[in-house]
Amino acid sequence: MPGGYRFSLDPRSVYSVYWAIWYFPIIYKLRRNDSLSVKEIRTYWKHPFNGSNLPENYLEGKERSQFLVELLKRYADSSSVILEIGCNVGRNLNYLFLAGFKKLVGIEINKKAIRLLKQSYPELARYAKIYNKPVEEVITGFKNGAFDIVFTMAVLQHIHPDSEFIFSEIARVTNRFLVTIEDERGISWRHFPRNYKRVFESLGLEQVEEFNCRGVPGLGGNFSARVFKKV
């Protein structure tokens, strides 16, 4: 090219342009059933294009993590083996680690989030076992009752209907308690609202606690926290 200029594209920019066009309102509304495939949902979470879901923004949110720790303290002790599905940069796991919980496992689809976890919480990274894969590809490999506590925060709400088989897998690998903190009302191309009491009680778990998260910064009134006991 003139002047020796060489044109190159940053892969991150390519993803941003792709998703911006794909979800431009007119194009979005023209899509049949306004629905995405499992592959499309996974691609978004591997390479989120909008600021609120970029991994670095998940380093913030101490109120949510403090809320989680206080809830789990009622059902777990320092010997408990704890799994977080969708741990992102590891903020929740780090708060649990600092509270004395050392047997921690996480599943996260985003590679950048895992890199930030290792950079931001190096001591946690030395103790915790982190799987950098989609939950659908990991959870079936765990033994029955592998975890004393399984928890999710704003993750199951993004599970595509075609991946709902993981709910029975979550029930299977839970040994004592399952905690869900999820938006059960919001609807969008990446939000799939469900009543998790109905979901997990139909799979043999018993709900023992439920409350609205209206007063928790970063969550809000659409979120319900539920605790289920393995029976």
C-alpha atoms as a PDB file:
ATOM      1  CA  MET A   1       0.000   0.000   0.000  1.00  0.00           C
ATOM      2  CA  PRO A   2       1.163   3.669  -0.480  1.00  0.00           C
ATOM      3  CA  GLY A   3       3.822   4.730   1.987  1.00  0.00           C
ATOM      4  CA  GLY A   4       4.388   1.145   3.045  1.00  0.00           C
ATOM      5  CA  TYR A   5       1.312   1.195   5.303  1.00  0.00           C
ATOM      6  CA  ARG A   6       0.193  -2.280   6.332  1.00  0.00           C
ATOM      7  CA  PHE A   7      -3.372  -2.867   7.397  1.00  0.00           C
ATOM      8  CA  SER A   8      -4.133  -5.306  10.197  1.00  0.00           C
ATOM      9  CA  LEU A   9      -7.128  -6.121  12.330  1.00  0.00           C
ATOM     10  CA  ASP A  10      -7.162  -6.696  16.048  1.00  0.00           C
ATOM     11  CA  PRO A  11      -9.123  -9.957  16.591  1.00  0.00           C
ATOM     12  CA  ARG A  12     -10.951  -8.294  19.476  1.00  0.00           C
ATOM     13  CA  SER A  13     -12.165  -5.564  17.102  1.00  0.00           C
ATOM     14  CA  VAL A  14     -13.379  -8.183  14.646  1.00  0.00           C
ATOM     15  CA  TYR A  15     -15.457  -9.837  17.369  1.00  0.00           C
ATOM     16  CA  SER A  16     -16.833  -6.465  18.467  1.00  0.00           C
ATOM     17  CA  VAL A  17     -17.890  -5.515  14.933  1.00  0.00           C
ATOM     18  CA  TYR A  18     -19.380  -8.967  14.326  1.00  0.00           C
ATOM     19  CA  TRP A  19     -21.518  -8.900  17.438  1.00  0.00           C
ATOM     20  CA  ALA A  20     -22.509  -5.240  16.998  1.00  0.00           C
ATOM     21  CA  ILE A  21     -23.852  -6.028  13.510  1.00  0.00           C
ATOM     22  CA  TRP A  22     -25.378  -9.355  14.567  1.00  0.00           C
ATOM     23  CA  TYR A  23     -27.380  -7.648  17.305  1.00  0.00           C
ATOM     24  CA  PHE A  24     -28.223  -4.417  15.516  1.00  0.00           C
ATOM     25  CA  PRO A  25     -31.948  -4.088  16.407  1.00  0.00           C
ATOM     26  CA  ILE A  26     -33.334  -4.546  12.881  1.00  0.00           C
ATOM     27  CA  ILE A  27     -31.156  -7.578  12.144  1.00  0.00           C
ATOM     28  CA  TYR A  28     -31.896  -8.984  15.570  1.00  0.00           C
ATOM     29  CA  LYS A  29     -35.662  -8.725  15.137  1.00  0.00           C
ATOM     30  CA  LEU A  30     -35.471 -10.367  11.724  1.00  0.00           C
ATOM     31  CA  ARG A  31     -33.846 -13.433  13.157  1.00  0.00           C
ATOM     32  CA  ARG A  32     -36.252 -16.341  13.416  1.00  0.00           C
ATOM     33  CA  ASN A  33     -37.666 -16.660  16.948  1.00  0.00           C
ATOM     34  CA  ASP A  34     -35.125 -14.080  18.172  1.00  0.00           C
ATOM     35  CA  SER A  35     -33.088 -17.028  19.401  1.00  0.00           C
ATOM     36  CA  LEU A  36     -29.429 -18.008  19.447  1.00  0.00           C
ATOM     37  CA  SER A  37     -27.782 -21.379  19.283  1.00  0.00           C
ATOM     38  CA  VAL A  38     -25.711 -22.872  22.080  1.00  0.00           C
ATOM     39  CA  LYS A  39     -22.616 -22.202  19.964  1.00  0.00           C
ATOM     40  CA  GLU A  40     -23.500 -18.516  19.576  1.00  0.00           C
ATOM     41  CA  ILE A  41     -24.096 -18.113  23.312  1.00  0.00           C
ATOM     42  CA  ARG A  42     -20.769 -19.783  24.078  1.00  0.00           C
ATOM     43  CA  THR A  43     -18.972 -17.583  21.551  1.00  0.00           C
ATOM     44  CA  TYR A  44     -20.319 -14.484  23.247  1.00  0.00           C
ATOM     45  CA  TRP A  45     -19.162 -15.551  26.714  1.00  0.00           C
ATOM     46  CA  LYS A  46     -15.753 -16.535  25.366  1.00  0.00           C
ATOM     47  CA  HIS A  47     -15.422 -13.085  23.742  1.00  0.00           C
ATOM     48  CA  PRO A  48     -17.935 -10.658  25.321  1.00  0.00           C
ATOM     49  CA  PHE A  49     -18.096  -7.445  23.343  1.00  0.00           C
ATOM     50  CA  ASN A  50     -19.847  -5.103  25.766  1.00  0.00           C
ATOM     51  CA  GLY A  51     -18.307  -3.417  28.770  1.00  0.00           C
ATOM     52  CA  SER A  52     -20.486  -4.839  31.527  1.00  0.00           C
ATOM     53  CA  ASN A  53     -19.455  -8.414  30.742  1.00  0.00           C
ATOM     54  CA  LEU A  54     -15.753  -7.903  30.068  1.00  0.00           C
ATOM     55  CA  PRO A  55     -13.772 -10.027  32.551  1.00  0.00           C
ATOM     56  CA  GLU A  56     -11.944  -7.070  34.102  1.00  0.00           C
ATOM     57  CA  ASN A  57     -15.258  -5.627  35.265  1.00  0.00           C
ATOM     58  CA  TYR A  58     -15.917  -8.748  37.339  1.00  0.00           C
ATOM     59  CA  LEU A  59     -13.050  -7.816  39.637  1.00  0.00           C
ATOM     60  CA  GLU A  60     -15.517  -5.314  41.127  1.00  0.00           C
ATOM     61  CA  GLY A  61     -18.569  -6.341  43.117  1.00  0.00           C
ATOM     62  CA  LYS A  62     -17.442  -6.936  46.685  1.00  0.00           C
ATOM     63  CA  GLU A  63     -20.983  -6.573  48.058  1.00  0.00           C
ATOM     64  CA  ARG A  64     -22.158  -9.550  46.013  1.00  0.00           C
ATOM     65  CA  SER A  65     -19.233 -11.671  47.152  1.00  0.00           C
ATOM     66  CA  GLN A  66     -19.678 -10.668  50.795  1.00  0.00           C
ATOM     67  CA  PHE A  67     -23.351 -11.588  50.541  1.00  0.00           C
ATOM     68  CA  LEU A  68     -22.403 -14.971  49.109  1.00  0.00           C
ATOM     69  CA  VAL A  69     -19.811 -15.705  51.803  1.00  0.00           C
ATOM     70  CA  GLU A  70     -22.225 -14.925  54.623  1.00  0.00           C
ATOM     71  CA  LEU A  71     -24.810 -17.202  53.036  1.00  0.00           C
ATOM     72  CA  LEU A  72     -22.416 -20.116  52.499  1.00  0.00           C
ATOM     73  CA  LYS A  73     -21.044 -19.867  56.035  1.00  0.00           C
ATOM     74  CA  ARG A  74     -24.413 -21.136  57.250  1.00  0.00           C
ATOM     75  CA  TYR A  75     -24.069 -24.353  55.263  1.00  0.00           C
ATOM     76  CA  ALA A  76     -20.338 -25.004  54.851  1.00  0.00           C
ATOM     77  CA  ASP A  77     -17.211 -25.286  56.975  1.00  0.00           C
ATOM     78  CA  SER A  78     -13.497 -25.127  56.216  1.00  0.00           C
ATOM     79  CA  SER A  79     -13.435 -28.800  55.208  1.00  0.00           C
ATOM     80  CA  SER A  80     -16.160 -28.390  52.570  1.00  0.00           C
ATOM     81  CA  VAL A  81     -15.346 -28.992  48.919  1.00  0.00           C
ATOM     82  CA  ILE A  82     -16.974 -26.132  47.015  1.00  0.00           C
ATOM     83  CA  LEU A  83     -17.662 -25.759  43.281  1.00  0.00           C
ATOM     84  CA  GLU A  84     -18.538 -22.486  41.550  1.00  0.00           C
ATOM     85  CA  ILE A  85     -20.027 -22.821  38.081  1.00  0.00           C
ATOM     86  CA  GLY A  86     -19.048 -19.761  36.051  1.00  0.00           C
ATOM     87  CA  CYS A  87     -16.338 -18.365  38.331  1.00  0.00           C
ATOM     88  CA  ASN A  88     -15.155 -15.714  35.843  1.00  0.00           C
ATOM     89  CA  VAL A  89     -12.107 -13.884  37.318  1.00  0.00           C
ATOM     90  CA  GLY A  90     -12.515 -15.688  40.642  1.00  0.00           C
ATOM     91  CA  ARG A  91     -13.760 -12.839  42.826  1.00  0.00           C
ATOM     92  CA  ASN A  92     -16.304 -15.010  44.656  1.00  0.00           C
ATOM     93  CA  LEU A  93     -13.811 -17.828  45.114  1.00  0.00           C
ATOM     94  CA  ASN A  94     -11.218 -15.422  46.470  1.00  0.00           C
ATOM     95  CA  TYR A  95     -13.636 -14.067  49.071  1.00  0.00           C
ATOM     96  CA  LEU A  96     -14.352 -17.646  50.123  1.00  0.00           C
ATOM     97  CA  PHE A  97     -10.616 -18.361  50.193  1.00  0.00           C
ATOM     98  CA  LEU A  98      -9.992 -15.382  52.474  1.00  0.00           C
ATOM     99  CA  ALA A  99     -12.846 -16.575  54.696  1.00  0.00           C
ATOM    100  CA  GLY A 100     -11.031 -19.865  55.304  1.00  0.00           C
ATOM    101  CA  PHE A 101     -12.407 -22.124  52.600  1.00  0.00           C
ATOM    102  CA  LYS A 102      -9.513 -23.795  50.800  1.00  0.00           C
ATOM    103  CA  LYS A 103     -11.045 -26.699  48.860  1.00  0.00           C
ATOM    104  CA  LEU A 104     -12.295 -24.664  45.930  1.00  0.00           C
ATOM    105  CA  VAL A 105     -13.076 -25.601  42.326  1.00  0.00           C
ATOM    106  CA  GLY A 106     -14.251 -23.372  39.499  1.00  0.00           C
ATOM    107  CA  ILE A 107     -15.508 -23.735  35.945  1.00  0.00           C
ATOM    108  CA  GLU A 108     -15.071 -20.832  33.516  1.00  0.00           C
ATOM    109  CA  ILE A 109     -15.374 -20.606  29.731  1.00  0.00           C
ATOM    110  CA  ASN A 110     -13.413 -17.362  29.222  1.00  0.00           C
ATOM    111  CA  LYS A 111      -9.615 -17.683  28.898  1.00  0.00           C
ATOM    112  CA  LYS A 112      -8.985 -14.017  29.643  1.00  0.00           C
ATOM    113  CA  ALA A 113     -10.963 -14.343  32.874  1.00  0.00           C
ATOM    114  CA  ILE A 114      -8.713 -17.210  33.968  1.00  0.00           C
ATOM    115  CA  ARG A 115      -5.609 -15.172  33.185  1.00  0.00           C
ATOM    116  CA  LEU A 116      -6.962 -12.327  35.302  1.00  0.00           C
ATOM    117  CA  LEU A 117      -7.747 -14.768  38.105  1.00  0.00           C
ATOM    118  CA  LYS A 118      -4.129 -15.923  38.178  1.00  0.00           C
ATOM    119  CA  GLN A 119      -2.826 -12.344  38.040  1.00  0.00           C
ATOM    120  CA  SER A 120      -5.239 -10.858  40.576  1.00  0.00           C
ATOM    121  CA  TYR A 121      -5.487 -13.710  43.071  1.00  0.00           C
ATOM    122  CA  PRO A 122      -2.225 -15.684  42.816  1.00  0.00           C
ATOM    123  CA  GLU A 123      -2.638 -17.419  46.179  1.00  0.00           C
ATOM    124  CA  LEU A 124      -6.145 -18.552  45.295  1.00  0.00           C
ATOM    125  CA  ALA A 125      -4.815 -19.796  41.956  1.00  0.00           C
ATOM    126  CA  ARG A 126      -2.291 -22.012  43.744  1.00  0.00           C
ATOM    127  CA  TYR A 127      -5.002 -23.687  45.816  1.00  0.00           C
ATOM    128  CA  ALA A 128      -8.040 -23.794  43.543  1.00  0.00           C
ATOM    129  CA  LYS A 129      -8.664 -26.159  40.659  1.00  0.00           C
ATOM    130  CA  ILE A 130     -10.007 -24.204  37.676  1.00  0.00           C
ATOM    131  CA  TYR A 131     -11.454 -25.783  34.530  1.00  0.00           C
ATOM    132  CA  ASN A 132     -11.299 -23.495  31.486  1.00  0.00           C
ATOM    133  CA  LYS A 133     -14.082 -25.108  29.456  1.00  0.00           C
ATOM    134  CA  PRO A 134     -17.861 -24.792  28.994  1.00  0.00           C
ATOM    135  CA  VAL A 135     -19.728 -26.286  31.920  1.00  0.00           C
ATOM    136  CA  GLU A 136     -21.427 -28.736  29.546  1.00  0.00           C
ATOM    137  CA  GLU A 137     -18.037 -30.295  28.786  1.00  0.00           C
ATOM    138  CA  VAL A 138     -16.856 -30.522  32.390  1.00  0.00           C
ATOM    139  CA  ILE A 139     -19.664 -31.376  34.752  1.00  0.00           C
ATOM    140  CA  THR A 140     -20.420 -34.805  33.322  1.00  0.00           C
ATOM    141  CA  GLY A 141     -16.908 -35.905  34.307  1.00  0.00           C
ATOM    142  CA  PHE A 142     -17.374 -35.366  38.045  1.00  0.00           C
ATOM    143  CA  LYS A 143     -18.283 -38.223  40.363  1.00  0.00           C
ATOM    144  CA  ASN A 144     -21.644 -38.428  42.104  1.00  0.00           C
ATOM    145  CA  GLY A 145     -21.671 -36.185  45.171  1.00  0.00           C
ATOM    146  CA  ALA A 146     -18.237 -34.791  44.380  1.00  0.00           C
ATOM    147  CA  PHE A 147     -18.926 -31.414  46.021  1.00  0.00           C
ATOM    148  CA  ASP A 148     -20.313 -30.564  49.443  1.00  0.00           C
ATOM    149  CA  ILE A 149     -21.499 -27.208  48.095  1.00  0.00           C
ATOM    150  CA  VAL A 150     -22.236 -26.163  44.523  1.00  0.00           C
ATOM    151  CA  PHE A 151     -23.124 -22.544  43.855  1.00  0.00           C
ATOM    152  CA  THR A 152     -23.883 -20.212  40.980  1.00  0.00           C
ATOM    153  CA  MET A 153     -24.284 -16.443  40.755  1.00  0.00           C
ATOM    154  CA  ALA A 154     -25.799 -14.939  37.598  1.00  0.00           C
ATOM    155  CA  VAL A 155     -24.731 -17.919  35.493  1.00  0.00           C
ATOM    156  CA  LEU A 156     -27.605 -20.390  35.136  1.00  0.00           C
ATOM    157  CA  GLN A 157     -29.715 -17.549  33.749  1.00  0.00           C
ATOM    158  CA  HIS A 158     -27.460 -17.652  30.673  1.00  0.00           C
ATOM    159  CA  ILE A 159     -27.716 -21.396  30.090  1.00  0.00           C
ATOM    160  CA  HIS A 160     -29.298 -22.099  26.716  1.00  0.00           C
ATOM    161  CA  PRO A 161     -32.430 -24.294  26.766  1.00  0.00           C
ATOM    162  CA  ASP A 162     -30.549 -26.904  24.745  1.00  0.00           C
ATOM    163  CA  SER A 163     -28.052 -27.202  27.604  1.00  0.00           C
ATOM    164  CA  GLU A 164     -30.570 -27.710  30.388  1.00  0.00           C
ATOM    165  CA  PHE A 165     -29.282 -31.262  30.854  1.00  0.00           C
ATOM    166  CA  ILE A 166     -26.642 -29.712  33.112  1.00  0.00           C
ATOM    167  CA  PHE A 167     -29.278 -29.122  35.802  1.00  0.00           C
ATOM    168  CA  SER A 168     -29.595 -32.834  36.474  1.00  0.00           C
ATOM    169  CA  GLU A 169     -25.799 -33.052  36.439  1.00  0.00           C
ATOM    170  CA  ILE A 170     -25.593 -30.257  39.025  1.00  0.00           C
ATOM    171  CA  ALA A 171     -28.015 -32.172  41.241  1.00  0.00           C
ATOM    172  CA  ARG A 172     -25.978 -35.337  40.740  1.00  0.00           C
ATOM    173  CA  VAL A 173     -22.601 -33.858  41.754  1.00  0.00           C
ATOM    174  CA  THR A 174     -24.043 -31.986  44.768  1.00  0.00           C
ATOM    175  CA  ASN A 175     -23.413 -33.885  47.987  1.00  0.00           C
ATOM    176  CA  ARG A 176     -25.017 -31.561  50.551  1.00  0.00           C
ATOM    177  CA  PHE A 177     -26.199 -28.139  49.376  1.00  0.00           C
ATOM    178  CA  LEU A 178     -26.797 -26.232  46.147  1.00  0.00           C
ATOM    179  CA  VAL A 179     -27.001 -22.429  46.186  1.00  0.00           C
ATOM    180  CA  THR A 180     -28.409 -20.489  43.226  1.00  0.00           C
ATOM    181  CA  ILE A 181     -28.339 -16.693  43.049  1.00  0.00           C
ATOM    182  CA  GLU A 182     -29.956 -15.989  39.705  1.00  0.00           C
ATOM    183  CA  ASP A 183     -32.080 -13.513  37.762  1.00  0.00           C
ATOM    184  CA  GLU A 184     -35.312 -15.459  37.375  1.00  0.00           C
ATOM    185  CA  ARG A 185     -37.270 -12.752  35.530  1.00  0.00           C
ATOM    186  CA  GLY A 186     -35.078 -10.900  33.032  1.00  0.00           C
ATOM    187  CA  ILE A 187     -35.407 -11.807  29.366  1.00  0.00           C
ATOM    188  CA  SER A 188     -32.968 -11.032  26.569  1.00  0.00           C
ATOM    189  CA  TRP A 189     -31.016 -12.848  23.871  1.00  0.00           C
ATOM    190  CA  ARG A 190     -28.689 -14.118  26.604  1.00  0.00           C
ATOM    191  CA  HIS A 191     -31.124 -14.413  29.529  1.00  0.00           C
ATOM    192  CA  PHE A 192     -33.370 -17.448  29.947  1.00  0.00           C
ATOM    193  CA  PRO A 193     -35.607 -16.961  33.016  1.00  0.00           C
ATOM    194  CA  ARG A 194     -36.524 -19.981  35.111  1.00  0.00           C
ATOM    195  CA  ASN A 195     -37.913 -20.737  38.542  1.00  0.00           C
ATOM    196  CA  TYR A 196     -35.056 -22.732  40.070  1.00  0.00           C
ATOM    197  CA  LYS A 197     -37.219 -24.076  42.871  1.00  0.00           C
ATOM    198  CA  ARG A 198     -39.254 -25.913  40.242  1.00  0.00           C
ATOM    199  CA  VAL A 199     -36.129 -26.945  38.341  1.00  0.00           C
ATOM    200  CA  PHE A 200     -34.198 -28.486  41.207  1.00  0.00           C
ATOM    201  CA  GLU A 201     -37.037 -29.836  43.322  1.00  0.00           C
ATOM    202  CA  SER A 202     -38.106 -31.795  40.242  1.00  0.00           C
ATOM    203  CA  LEU A 203     -34.607 -33.306  40.330  1.00  0.00           C
ATOM    204  CA  GLY A 204     -34.861 -34.487  43.930  1.00  0.00           C
ATOM    205  CA  LEU A 205     -33.428 -31.543  45.871  1.00  0.00           C
ATOM    206  CA  GLU A 206     -35.359 -29.798  48.652  1.00  0.00           C
ATOM    207  CA  GLN A 207     -35.412 -26.024  48.916  1.00  0.00           C
ATOM    208  CA  VAL A 208     -34.632 -24.945  52.483  1.00  0.00           C
ATOM    209  CA  GLU A 209     -34.220 -21.187  52.047  1.00  0.00           C
ATOM    210  CA  GLU A 210     -35.303 -18.486  49.595  1.00  0.00           C
ATOM    211  CA  PHE A 211     -35.154 -14.711  49.554  1.00  0.00           C
ATOM    212  CA  ASN A 212     -35.150 -11.802  47.153  1.00  0.00           C
ATOM    213  CA  CYS A 213     -31.848  -9.996  46.476  1.00  0.00           C
ATOM    214  CA  ARG A 214     -33.349  -6.523  46.130  1.00  0.00           C
ATOM    215  CA  GLY A 215     -31.064  -5.091  48.804  1.00  0.00           C
ATOM    216  CA  VAL A 216     -27.830  -6.515  47.417  1.00  0.00           C
ATOM    217  CA  PRO A 217     -25.866  -4.031  45.249  1.00  0.00           C
ATOM    218  CA  GLY A 218     -25.185  -5.464  41.810  1.00  0.00           C
ATOM    219  CA  LEU A 219     -28.018  -7.983  41.996  1.00  0.00           C
ATOM    220  CA  GLY A 220     -31.462  -6.482  42.496  1.00  0.00           C
ATOM    221  CA  GLY A 221     -35.100  -7.457  42.664  1.00  0.00           C
ATOM    222  CA  ASN A 222     -35.051  -9.819  39.684  1.00  0.00           C
ATOM    223  CA  PHE A 223     -32.602 -12.048  41.555  1.00  0.00           C
ATOM    224  CA  SER A 224     -33.620 -14.813  43.935  1.00  0.00           C
ATOM    225  CA  ALA A 225     -31.220 -16.598  46.255  1.00  0.00           C
ATOM    226  CA  ARG A 226     -32.179 -20.208  46.915  1.00  0.00           C
ATOM    227  CA  VAL A 227     -30.584 -22.930  49.001  1.00  0.00           C
ATOM    228  CA  PHE A 228     -31.341 -26.577  48.218  1.00  0.00           C
ATOM    229  CA  LYS A 229     -30.526 -29.628  50.313  1.00  0.00           C
ATOM    230  CA  LYS A 230     -29.649 -33.001  48.840  1.00  0.00           C
ATOM    231  CA  VAL A 231     -32.158 -35.535  50.106  1.00  0.00           C
END
